[in-house]
């Protein structure tokens, strides 16, 4: 009989679900790391919330562990690479607290609109400052959503019920899905210029970090009010403070901070600022939901082998896995590449397979493409939930299988449709194992997609490669591999090179300044 340890306080119904499914359960909470190390070897599963830190040291003692289940979204307290190396599946429950978080954002919006915290403090201090607290109505105001996924769409629904106009910025939101939600899809700059209230509902990634930077906050309408119940780091907190002090920003409400726990902050005490201690998921209903969901998911895996909301493994049968593994690695790299390079809002994606790839189950390949592409913008996406997230955003996903034999014995092609046009990449397997890029936006190029890379589009002209190499050398950047491709002599050329460390913005700017350069981007795989 499988055995699970619940190491953080959870709703008692979670243990009941395990037992009903034939899983033995121990509930032992509040342990030190040393105490957990001493007993973890007995268990097949570990159910946690945010308190238990599952480190490599813990995992080294977890000789029988098969699955870790996090009741909630964030898995910062789990060493996922170490778990993957040990063959331990890591699951979370990314949608169990969506309503609760959305409602908290709405609550903070009301608090800002009517200055509720300040009015409460003033009144309880014996003052009666009725004329001091002049609020604004939400009716007919424009709410700008940055992120229109699961939580953002719930906020949109509630805001529409309050008779607000809702505009949304989300690279994966299609016009059809926007129409269904009743929101207007806009560019980020348009949202910043028009919104009376801005609320963030996007994960923290390299693309979203400081999305409300000093530069972007300066683009907002005077008197804007900003709410963040998503992740710390999405807003430049120093710039937010400056905006509040100047009066350009009328109010801001944060449930999350760049550093948590936020015991001190320059924002504290600033007029117009409201804060709560990361309460987005803190309702009785949400905690019950995530506890029950994680118990169901873990029991499924331990009893039947079913995998749901796993962060480090795809949903595959035991027979398919060995054959599909290299194809999925190729597919994920192609998805990541197109996700990083394709500009403009995505509306459709097609995954084509031919040759040997056409003989396999295409669903996991497509899921791997979606996971690679959407992971650029989301930190909760994986090969299991990527199709769901794509569907939720109205992304049209097509699978095409060709029986024909082409130039390669096996080929996977990914094409995305954006408002800037169609973009296509293709790859193959060398030796049936090594992923290799063979075509990029219509240009033939053979390249490994590994580590940190620099992507340059330039005019094909003598001397460019020398100038680029010299610039990188002077910057102390070591080149690992160098790949070239072009449409025709003297036309447009592509350079893809791997480097030993992350490419800095300063280096990007210097490369962009070279004669003939059209596009420069840093890539990471």
Protein backbone atom coordinates (compact mmCIF):
# COMPACT_ATOMS: atom_id res chain seq x y z
CA UNK A 1 0.00 0.00 0.00
CA UNK A 2 1.45 3.44 -0.94
CA UNK A 3 2.23 5.72 1.97
CA UNK A 4 1.99 9.53 2.02
CA UNK A 5 3.23 12.11 4.51
CA UNK A 6 1.29 15.36 4.92
CA UNK A 7 3.93 17.68 6.39
CA UNK A 8 2.02 20.99 6.43
CA UNK A 9 -1.38 21.80 7.91
CA UNK A 10 -4.14 20.90 5.44
CA UNK A 11 -7.85 20.38 5.43
CA UNK A 12 -8.55 16.99 7.10
CA UNK A 13 -10.57 15.90 4.07
CA UNK A 14 -7.30 15.56 2.15
CA UNK A 15 -6.21 12.67 4.38
CA UNK A 16 -9.68 11.16 4.04
CA UNK A 17 -9.35 11.18 0.24
CA UNK A 18 -6.00 9.39 0.42
CA UNK A 19 -7.41 6.70 2.70
CA UNK A 20 -10.52 6.25 0.56
CA UNK A 21 -8.25 5.66 -2.45
CA UNK A 22 -6.21 3.01 -0.63
CA UNK A 23 -3.27 5.19 0.37
CA UNK A 24 -1.87 5.14 3.91
CA UNK A 25 -1.42 8.63 5.41
CA UNK A 26 0.57 10.19 8.24
CA UNK A 27 -0.06 13.82 9.22
CA UNK A 28 3.09 15.15 10.91
CA UNK A 29 3.49 18.93 10.70
CA UNK A 30 5.97 21.49 11.98
CA UNK A 31 9.07 19.33 11.62
CA UNK A 32 12.61 20.62 11.38
CA UNK A 33 14.57 19.69 8.24
CA UNK A 34 16.54 17.16 10.31
CA UNK A 35 13.36 15.55 11.61
CA UNK A 36 11.92 15.34 8.09
CA UNK A 37 15.14 13.78 6.77
CA UNK A 38 14.93 11.10 9.45
CA UNK A 39 11.49 9.86 8.37
CA UNK A 40 11.05 10.79 4.69
CA UNK A 41 12.56 7.50 3.50
CA UNK A 42 9.39 5.68 4.58
CA UNK A 43 7.09 7.53 2.18
CA UNK A 44 6.03 7.24 -1.46
CA UNK A 45 4.40 10.68 -1.48
CA UNK A 46 4.88 14.04 0.26
CA UNK A 47 1.99 16.54 0.43
CA UNK A 48 3.02 20.09 1.31
CA UNK A 49 1.94 23.70 1.31
CA UNK A 50 4.46 26.55 1.61
CA UNK A 51 6.10 25.77 4.97
CA UNK A 52 8.00 22.58 4.13
CA UNK A 53 11.19 23.23 2.17
CA UNK A 54 11.97 20.24 -0.04
CA UNK A 55 15.71 20.67 -0.55
CA UNK A 56 18.23 18.41 -2.26
CA UNK A 57 19.31 17.24 1.20
CA UNK A 58 15.74 16.17 1.97
CA UNK A 59 15.45 14.45 -1.39
CA UNK A 60 18.72 12.59 -0.84
CA UNK A 61 17.07 10.89 2.14
CA UNK A 62 13.80 10.26 0.26
CA UNK A 63 14.77 6.82 -1.00
CA UNK A 64 11.20 5.71 -1.80
CA UNK A 65 9.64 9.03 -2.77
CA UNK A 66 7.70 9.04 -6.04
CA UNK A 67 5.63 12.23 -5.93
CA UNK A 68 5.55 15.62 -4.22
CA UNK A 69 2.22 17.44 -4.23
CA UNK A 70 2.05 21.17 -3.53
CA UNK A 71 -1.41 22.35 -2.42
CA UNK A 72 -1.25 25.69 -4.24
CA UNK A 73 0.56 27.25 -7.18
CA UNK A 74 4.04 28.30 -6.12
CA UNK A 75 6.74 25.64 -5.88
CA UNK A 76 9.63 27.89 -4.87
CA UNK A 77 10.03 25.69 -1.79
CA UNK A 78 10.75 22.59 -3.90
CA UNK A 79 14.09 21.89 -5.60
CA UNK A 80 12.53 20.73 -8.87
CA UNK A 81 15.82 19.90 -10.66
CA UNK A 82 16.87 17.72 -7.73
CA UNK A 83 13.44 16.07 -7.68
CA UNK A 84 13.65 15.43 -11.42
CA UNK A 85 17.11 13.91 -11.04
CA UNK A 86 15.66 11.56 -8.42
CA UNK A 87 12.74 10.66 -10.66
CA UNK A 88 10.23 12.32 -8.33
CA UNK A 89 7.16 13.86 -9.93
CA UNK A 90 6.35 17.36 -8.68
CA UNK A 91 2.69 18.40 -8.91
CA UNK A 92 0.87 21.59 -7.97
CA UNK A 93 -2.74 22.80 -8.08
CA UNK A 94 -2.55 25.92 -10.25
CA UNK A 95 -6.27 26.66 -10.44
CA UNK A 96 -7.62 25.86 -6.97
CA UNK A 97 -7.43 29.40 -5.60
CA UNK A 98 -8.34 31.36 -8.73
CA UNK A 99 -11.67 32.73 -7.50
CA UNK A 100 -10.20 33.69 -4.14
CA UNK A 101 -7.32 35.62 -5.74
CA UNK A 102 -9.65 37.34 -8.20
CA UNK A 103 -11.97 38.41 -5.40
CA UNK A 104 -9.03 39.81 -3.42
CA UNK A 105 -8.06 41.95 -6.41
CA UNK A 106 -11.62 43.27 -6.61
CA UNK A 107 -11.60 43.95 -2.85
CA UNK A 108 -8.37 45.95 -3.15
CA UNK A 109 -9.84 47.87 -6.08
CA UNK A 110 -12.76 48.92 -3.89
CA UNK A 111 -10.38 49.77 -1.05
CA UNK A 112 -8.45 52.12 -3.36
CA UNK A 113 -11.54 53.66 -4.92
CA UNK A 114 -13.04 54.62 -1.55
CA UNK A 115 -9.85 54.94 0.57
CA UNK A 116 -11.27 52.40 3.02
CA UNK A 117 -8.13 51.62 5.09
CA UNK A 118 -7.31 55.31 5.67
CA UNK A 119 -10.96 56.18 6.42
CA UNK A 120 -11.20 53.28 8.88
CA UNK A 121 -8.01 54.30 10.71
CA UNK A 122 -9.12 57.94 10.84
CA UNK A 123 -12.59 57.14 12.14
CA UNK A 124 -11.34 54.69 14.79
CA UNK A 125 -8.85 57.35 15.92
CA UNK A 126 -11.83 59.52 16.89
CA UNK A 127 -11.70 61.82 13.88
CA UNK A 128 -14.68 62.47 11.64
CA UNK A 129 -12.99 63.54 8.41
CA UNK A 130 -15.92 63.15 6.07
CA UNK A 131 -14.61 65.73 3.60
CA UNK A 132 -11.11 64.26 3.51
CA UNK A 133 -12.05 60.96 1.91
CA UNK A 134 -13.53 61.74 -1.48
CA UNK A 135 -13.66 58.51 -3.47
CA UNK A 136 -14.39 57.57 -7.06
CA UNK A 137 -17.04 55.30 -8.55
CA UNK A 138 -16.05 52.11 -10.34
CA UNK A 139 -19.03 52.32 -12.67
CA UNK A 140 -17.99 53.35 -16.21
CA UNK A 141 -14.30 53.37 -15.29
CA UNK A 142 -11.82 51.49 -17.49
CA UNK A 143 -10.08 48.51 -15.91
CA UNK A 144 -6.86 47.38 -17.57
CA UNK A 145 -5.99 43.69 -17.15
CA UNK A 146 -2.36 42.72 -17.62
CA UNK A 147 -2.87 38.98 -18.06
CA UNK A 148 -6.23 37.52 -19.09
CA UNK A 149 -5.76 33.88 -18.15
CA UNK A 150 -7.70 31.97 -15.51
CA UNK A 151 -7.63 34.59 -12.72
CA UNK A 152 -7.67 37.58 -15.06
CA UNK A 153 -10.79 36.30 -16.82
CA UNK A 154 -12.59 35.95 -13.47
CA UNK A 155 -11.64 39.52 -12.55
CA UNK A 156 -12.95 40.66 -15.96
CA UNK A 157 -16.28 38.93 -15.33
CA UNK A 158 -16.66 40.58 -11.90
CA UNK A 159 -15.63 43.98 -13.25
CA UNK A 160 -18.16 43.78 -16.07
CA UNK A 161 -20.78 43.07 -13.42
CA UNK A 162 -19.74 46.33 -11.79
CA UNK A 163 -20.42 48.07 -15.14
CA UNK A 164 -16.75 48.79 -15.79
CA UNK A 165 -15.18 48.78 -19.25
CA UNK A 166 -12.45 46.11 -19.39
CA UNK A 167 -9.42 46.21 -21.66
CA UNK A 168 -6.78 43.48 -21.61
CA UNK A 169 -3.17 42.95 -22.60
CA UNK A 170 -2.16 39.30 -22.99
CA UNK A 171 0.04 37.92 -25.82
CA UNK A 172 -1.98 34.70 -25.88
CA UNK A 173 -5.46 36.25 -25.84
CA UNK A 174 -7.11 35.85 -29.24
CA UNK A 175 -9.76 38.27 -30.56
CA UNK A 176 -12.32 35.46 -30.37
CA UNK A 177 -11.56 34.76 -26.69
CA UNK A 178 -11.60 38.49 -25.93
CA UNK A 179 -15.07 38.74 -27.48
CA UNK A 180 -16.20 35.77 -25.41
CA UNK A 181 -14.91 37.43 -22.22
CA UNK A 182 -16.44 40.76 -23.12
CA UNK A 183 -13.11 42.60 -23.04
CA UNK A 184 -11.21 44.67 -25.56
CA UNK A 185 -7.80 43.27 -26.50
CA UNK A 186 -5.20 46.06 -26.61
CA UNK A 187 -1.46 46.64 -26.76
CA UNK A 188 0.33 47.34 -23.48
CA UNK A 189 0.98 51.02 -24.28
CA UNK A 190 -2.70 51.49 -25.13
CA UNK A 191 -3.72 49.90 -21.84
CA UNK A 192 -1.34 52.12 -19.88
CA UNK A 193 -2.70 55.25 -21.54
CA UNK A 194 -6.39 54.43 -21.10
CA UNK A 195 -6.86 52.52 -17.84
CA UNK A 196 -8.27 54.16 -14.71
CA UNK A 197 -7.43 51.01 -12.76
CA UNK A 198 -4.71 48.49 -13.66
CA UNK A 199 -4.61 45.00 -12.15
CA UNK A 200 -1.89 42.43 -12.82
CA UNK A 201 -2.60 38.72 -13.31
CA UNK A 202 0.54 37.34 -14.89
CA UNK A 203 3.33 35.15 -13.49
CA UNK A 204 6.84 36.46 -12.98
CA UNK A 205 9.08 35.60 -15.93
CA UNK A 206 11.95 37.32 -17.72
CA UNK A 207 9.35 38.85 -20.04
CA UNK A 208 7.05 40.15 -17.29
CA UNK A 209 9.61 41.21 -14.68
CA UNK A 210 9.14 44.95 -14.03
CA UNK A 211 6.41 45.09 -16.65
CA UNK A 212 5.29 48.18 -14.76
CA UNK A 213 8.73 49.78 -14.89
CA UNK A 214 9.44 53.45 -14.27
CA UNK A 215 9.16 53.99 -18.02
CA UNK A 216 5.79 52.23 -18.27
CA UNK A 217 4.39 53.82 -15.12
CA UNK A 218 5.15 57.19 -16.71
CA UNK A 219 2.89 56.20 -19.62
CA UNK A 220 -0.13 55.68 -17.38
CA UNK A 221 -3.06 58.07 -17.11
CA UNK A 222 -2.72 60.65 -14.33
CA UNK A 223 -4.77 59.44 -11.36
CA UNK A 224 -4.43 55.74 -12.18
CA UNK A 225 -4.87 53.18 -9.42
CA UNK A 226 -2.81 49.96 -9.53
CA UNK A 227 -3.46 46.55 -7.96
CA UNK A 228 -1.09 43.57 -7.82
CA UNK A 229 -2.24 40.25 -6.37
CA UNK A 230 -0.07 38.20 -8.74
CA UNK A 231 3.68 38.16 -8.07
CA UNK A 232 6.20 40.51 -6.53
CA UNK A 233 8.69 41.84 -9.06
CA UNK A 234 6.09 42.78 -11.68
CA UNK A 235 6.24 46.41 -10.52
CA UNK A 236 9.26 48.64 -9.93
CA UNK A 237 8.45 49.43 -6.30
CA UNK A 238 10.75 52.48 -6.15
CA UNK A 239 9.10 53.93 -9.26
CA UNK A 240 5.67 53.16 -7.79
CA UNK A 241 6.63 55.07 -4.64
CA UNK A 242 7.79 58.04 -6.75
CA UNK A 243 4.54 58.01 -8.72
CA UNK A 244 2.46 58.03 -5.54
CA UNK A 245 4.55 60.82 -4.03
CA UNK A 246 4.20 62.97 -7.16
CA UNK A 247 0.45 62.42 -7.35
CA UNK A 248 0.60 60.93 -10.84
CA UNK A 249 -0.55 57.61 -9.36
CA UNK A 250 -3.62 58.12 -7.17
CA UNK A 251 -3.36 54.82 -5.35
CA UNK A 252 -1.73 51.40 -5.31
CA UNK A 253 -2.61 48.18 -3.53
CA UNK A 254 -0.09 45.34 -3.26
CA UNK A 255 -0.70 41.87 -1.90
CA UNK A 256 2.73 40.74 -3.09
CA UNK A 257 6.18 42.25 -2.82
CA UNK A 258 9.54 41.82 -4.48
CA UNK A 259 10.96 40.62 -1.14
CA UNK A 260 8.73 38.60 1.19
CA UNK A 261 7.95 38.61 3.99
CA UNK A 262 7.86 42.37 3.51
CA UNK A 263 8.64 43.50 7.04
CA UNK A 264 9.71 46.93 5.78
CA UNK A 265 9.27 48.85 2.56
CA UNK A 266 9.66 52.46 1.37
CA UNK A 267 6.01 52.17 0.29
CA UNK A 268 4.75 51.69 3.83
CA UNK A 269 3.09 54.85 5.10
CA UNK A 270 2.83 56.43 1.66
CA UNK A 271 -0.52 58.19 1.16
CA UNK A 272 -2.72 56.21 -1.20
CA UNK A 273 -0.90 52.93 -0.57
CA UNK A 274 -2.73 49.80 0.65
CA UNK A 275 -1.03 46.51 1.46
CA UNK A 276 -1.93 43.00 2.57
CA UNK A 277 0.43 40.13 3.50
CA UNK A 278 0.04 37.84 0.45
CA UNK A 279 -3.59 36.98 1.20
CA UNK A 280 -4.59 36.21 -2.39
CA UNK A 281 -5.22 32.53 -1.69
CA UNK A 282 -6.23 32.96 1.94
CA UNK A 283 -9.84 31.89 2.16
CA UNK A 284 -11.26 28.79 3.76
CA UNK A 285 -12.71 27.69 0.43
CA UNK A 286 -9.43 28.02 -1.46
CA UNK A 287 -7.43 26.11 1.13
CA UNK A 288 -9.99 23.31 1.09
CA UNK A 289 -10.00 23.23 -2.73
CA UNK A 290 -6.22 22.96 -3.15
CA UNK A 291 -5.92 20.35 -0.38
CA UNK A 292 -8.57 18.14 -1.95
CA UNK A 293 -7.11 18.58 -5.42
CA UNK A 294 -3.58 17.68 -4.41
CA UNK A 295 -4.83 14.58 -2.60
CA UNK A 296 -6.78 13.46 -5.68
CA UNK A 297 -3.81 14.06 -7.99
CA UNK A 298 -1.30 12.28 -5.78
CA UNK A 299 -3.62 9.34 -5.18
CA UNK A 300 -4.19 9.03 -8.94
CA UNK A 301 -0.46 8.84 -9.55
CA UNK A 302 0.33 6.42 -6.73
CA UNK A 303 -2.60 4.09 -7.46
CA UNK A 304 -3.07 4.24 -11.24
CA UNK A 305 -0.04 6.11 -12.60
CA UNK A 306 -2.14 9.02 -13.86
CA UNK A 307 -0.28 12.33 -13.97
CA UNK A 308 -2.06 15.69 -13.61
CA UNK A 309 -0.53 19.18 -13.25
CA UNK A 310 3.00 17.81 -13.08
CA UNK A 311 5.74 20.39 -13.41
CA UNK A 312 8.58 18.14 -14.45
CA UNK A 313 7.13 15.22 -16.45
CA UNK A 314 4.68 14.89 -19.35
CA UNK A 315 1.60 12.73 -19.39
CA UNK A 316 2.82 9.57 -21.11
CA UNK A 317 2.27 5.83 -21.03
CA UNK A 318 5.21 3.63 -20.10
CA UNK A 319 5.41 2.21 -23.64
CA UNK A 320 5.45 5.54 -25.44
CA UNK A 321 7.92 7.39 -23.24
CA UNK A 322 11.25 6.02 -24.56
CA UNK A 323 10.34 6.61 -28.22
CA UNK A 324 8.83 10.05 -27.69
CA UNK A 325 11.39 11.48 -25.29
CA UNK A 326 13.85 12.85 -27.93
CA UNK A 327 10.98 14.18 -30.07
CA UNK A 328 9.52 15.98 -27.08
CA UNK A 329 12.89 17.53 -26.30
CA UNK A 330 13.08 18.77 -29.90
CA UNK A 331 9.48 20.01 -29.80
CA UNK A 332 9.97 21.91 -26.55
CA UNK A 333 13.07 23.66 -27.92
CA UNK A 334 11.25 24.63 -31.11
CA UNK A 335 8.33 25.96 -29.06
CA UNK A 336 10.67 27.92 -26.82
CA UNK A 337 12.46 29.36 -29.85
CA UNK A 338 9.31 30.54 -31.58
CA UNK A 339 7.93 31.86 -28.28
CA UNK A 340 11.02 33.99 -27.76
CA UNK A 341 11.33 35.21 -31.35
CA UNK A 342 7.78 35.66 -32.64
CA UNK A 343 6.62 39.22 -32.00
CA UNK A 344 2.99 40.27 -31.97
CA UNK A 345 -0.08 38.64 -30.47
CA UNK A 346 -0.33 34.91 -31.19
CA UNK A 347 -3.65 33.66 -32.56
CA UNK A 348 -2.87 30.21 -33.96
CA UNK A 349 -0.16 27.57 -33.94
CA UNK A 350 0.31 24.50 -36.09
CA UNK A 351 2.57 21.55 -35.34
CA UNK A 352 3.50 19.49 -38.39
CA UNK A 353 5.30 16.15 -38.30
CA UNK A 354 6.66 14.12 -41.19
CA UNK A 355 8.84 11.10 -41.74
CA UNK A 356 9.51 9.00 -38.64
CA UNK A 357 7.81 11.57 -36.41
CA UNK A 358 4.53 11.00 -38.27
CA UNK A 359 4.43 7.42 -36.98
CA UNK A 360 4.25 8.47 -33.32
CA UNK A 361 1.60 9.80 -30.94
CA UNK A 362 1.53 13.50 -31.82
CA UNK A 363 -0.30 14.76 -28.71
CA UNK A 364 2.75 14.74 -26.41
CA UNK A 365 4.82 16.42 -29.15
CA UNK A 366 2.23 19.19 -29.49
CA UNK A 367 2.04 19.55 -25.70
CA UNK A 368 5.82 19.89 -25.57
CA UNK A 369 5.72 22.63 -28.25
CA UNK A 370 3.03 24.53 -26.31
CA UNK A 371 4.89 24.13 -23.03
CA UNK A 372 8.11 25.45 -24.54
CA UNK A 373 6.33 28.36 -26.20
CA UNK A 374 4.17 29.40 -23.25
CA UNK A 375 6.87 28.90 -20.64
CA UNK A 376 8.42 32.07 -22.04
CA UNK A 377 5.46 33.94 -20.52
CA UNK A 378 4.35 31.67 -17.65
CA UNK A 379 6.04 29.91 -14.77
CA UNK A 380 3.24 27.41 -14.08
CA UNK A 381 3.00 25.90 -17.54
CA UNK A 382 4.07 22.31 -18.23
CA UNK A 383 3.40 19.64 -20.83
CA UNK A 384 0.29 18.54 -18.97
CA UNK A 385 -1.46 21.87 -18.53
CA UNK A 386 -0.11 23.68 -21.62
CA UNK A 387 -2.99 22.51 -23.90
CA UNK A 388 -5.50 23.68 -21.28
CA UNK A 389 -3.83 27.09 -20.97
CA UNK A 390 -3.73 27.46 -24.77
CA UNK A 391 -7.43 26.59 -25.03
CA UNK A 392 -8.28 28.95 -22.19
CA UNK A 393 -6.70 31.81 -24.12
CA UNK A 394 -8.50 30.88 -27.33
CA UNK A 395 -5.30 29.84 -29.13
CA UNK A 396 -6.12 27.83 -32.25
CA UNK A 397 -3.89 24.72 -32.12
CA UNK A 398 -3.62 22.50 -35.17
CA UNK A 399 -1.85 19.21 -35.63
CA UNK A 400 -0.81 18.16 -39.14
CA UNK A 401 0.66 14.79 -40.03
CA UNK A 402 2.44 14.21 -43.37
CA UNK A 403 3.11 10.71 -44.68
CA UNK A 404 5.55 12.10 -47.23
CA UNK A 405 9.31 11.75 -46.95
CA UNK A 406 11.17 15.04 -47.06
CA UNK A 407 14.79 16.14 -46.92
CA UNK A 408 15.12 14.66 -43.43
CA UNK A 409 14.15 11.22 -42.16
CA UNK A 410 12.11 12.96 -39.45
CA UNK A 411 10.96 16.57 -39.15
CA UNK A 412 8.91 18.69 -36.73
CA UNK A 413 7.74 22.09 -37.93
CA UNK A 414 6.13 24.75 -35.72
CA UNK A 415 4.30 27.68 -37.32
CA UNK A 416 2.68 30.50 -35.36
CA UNK A 417 0.24 33.04 -36.72
CA UNK A 418 0.71 36.52 -35.28
CA UNK A 419 -0.52 39.99 -36.13
CA UNK A 420 2.99 40.53 -37.54
CA UNK A 421 2.65 37.57 -39.93
CA UNK A 422 3.35 33.83 -39.89
CA UNK A 423 6.63 32.57 -38.42
CA UNK A 424 7.92 29.03 -38.87
CA UNK A 425 10.77 26.97 -37.42
CA UNK A 426 11.69 23.36 -38.09
CA UNK A 427 13.94 20.78 -36.51
CA UNK A 428 15.08 17.20 -36.80
CA UNK A 429 16.88 14.56 -34.76
CA UNK A 430 20.46 13.60 -35.54
CA UNK A 431 21.12 9.97 -34.74
CA UNK A 432 17.49 9.72 -33.61
CA UNK A 433 18.46 11.46 -30.37
CA UNK A 434 20.05 14.92 -30.75
CA UNK A 435 17.64 17.84 -31.42
CA UNK A 436 18.80 20.14 -34.20
CA UNK A 437 17.28 23.28 -35.71
CA UNK A 438 17.27 23.11 -39.53
CA UNK A 439 15.10 26.04 -40.58
CA UNK A 440 14.39 29.42 -39.01
CA UNK A 441 11.80 31.76 -40.51
CA UNK A 442 12.35 30.33 -43.99
CA UNK A 443 16.16 30.37 -43.81
CA UNK A 444 18.08 27.09 -43.79
CA UNK A 445 20.33 26.89 -40.74
CA UNK A 446 21.71 23.98 -38.72
CA UNK A 447 22.11 24.72 -35.04
CA UNK A 448 21.97 23.19 -31.59
CA UNK A 449 19.60 25.05 -29.27
CA UNK A 450 21.48 25.06 -25.99
CA UNK A 451 22.17 27.39 -23.09
CA UNK A 452 22.49 31.12 -23.72
CA UNK A 453 22.32 32.20 -27.35
CA UNK A 454 22.47 35.38 -29.40
CA UNK A 455 20.17 35.77 -32.41
CA UNK A 456 21.08 38.37 -35.01
CA UNK A 457 19.40 39.24 -38.30
CA UNK A 458 21.64 41.32 -40.54
CA UNK A 459 22.28 42.36 -44.11
CA UNK A 460 24.59 39.79 -45.72
CA UNK A 461 27.75 41.82 -46.33
CA UNK A 462 31.51 41.17 -46.17
CA UNK A 463 33.16 41.83 -42.82
CA UNK A 464 30.08 41.51 -40.61
CA UNK A 465 31.14 38.25 -38.95
CA UNK A 466 34.54 39.75 -38.16
CA UNK A 467 33.01 42.86 -36.61
CA UNK A 468 30.60 40.78 -34.53
CA UNK A 469 33.36 38.45 -33.32
CA UNK A 470 35.59 41.39 -32.42
CA UNK A 471 32.80 43.07 -30.48
CA UNK A 472 32.08 39.92 -28.49
CA UNK A 473 35.76 39.35 -27.83
CA UNK A 474 36.23 42.89 -26.56
CA UNK A 475 33.25 42.37 -24.25
CA UNK A 476 34.88 39.21 -22.85
CA UNK A 477 32.13 36.98 -24.22
CA UNK A 478 33.26 33.50 -25.22
CA UNK A 479 31.52 31.93 -28.23
CA UNK A 480 30.62 28.26 -27.94
CA UNK A 481 29.08 27.56 -31.35
CA UNK A 482 28.49 29.73 -34.41
CA UNK A 483 25.73 29.06 -36.96
CA UNK A 484 24.94 30.99 -40.14
CA UNK A 485 22.15 31.02 -42.69
CA UNK A 486 20.91 33.31 -45.44
CA UNK A 487 18.15 33.54 -48.04
CA UNK A 488 20.45 34.60 -50.86
CA UNK A 489 23.84 36.23 -51.37
CA UNK A 490 23.64 39.87 -50.34
CA UNK A 491 20.19 39.40 -48.82
CA UNK A 492 19.04 38.83 -45.26
CA UNK A 493 21.23 36.60 -43.10
CA UNK A 494 20.83 35.02 -39.66
CA UNK A 495 23.50 34.41 -37.03
CA UNK A 496 22.81 32.06 -34.14
CA UNK A 497 25.63 31.68 -31.67
CA UNK A 498 25.88 30.17 -28.21
CA UNK A 499 27.81 31.95 -25.49
CA UNK A 500 29.05 30.85 -22.08
CA UNK A 501 26.99 33.30 -20.04
CA UNK A 502 23.78 35.31 -20.19
CA UNK A 503 23.77 38.10 -22.76
CA UNK A 504 23.51 41.52 -21.12
CA UNK A 505 21.30 44.39 -22.34
CA UNK A 506 24.45 46.46 -22.86
CA UNK A 507 25.88 43.85 -25.21
CA UNK A 508 22.56 43.67 -27.09
CA UNK A 509 22.70 47.43 -27.57
CA UNK A 510 26.28 47.29 -28.86
CA UNK A 511 25.47 44.53 -31.36
CA UNK A 512 22.40 46.44 -32.51
CA UNK A 513 24.65 49.40 -33.28
CA UNK A 514 26.74 47.40 -35.77
CA UNK A 515 26.20 48.39 -39.44
CA UNK A 516 23.61 46.24 -41.20
CA UNK A 517 22.00 44.77 -38.05
CA UNK A 518 18.20 44.56 -38.20
CA UNK A 519 17.32 42.47 -35.15
CA UNK A 520 19.16 41.30 -32.03
CA UNK A 521 17.75 39.10 -29.27
CA UNK A 522 19.08 37.08 -26.36
CA UNK A 523 17.72 33.53 -26.18
CA UNK A 524 17.87 30.95 -23.42
CA UNK A 525 17.24 27.19 -23.53
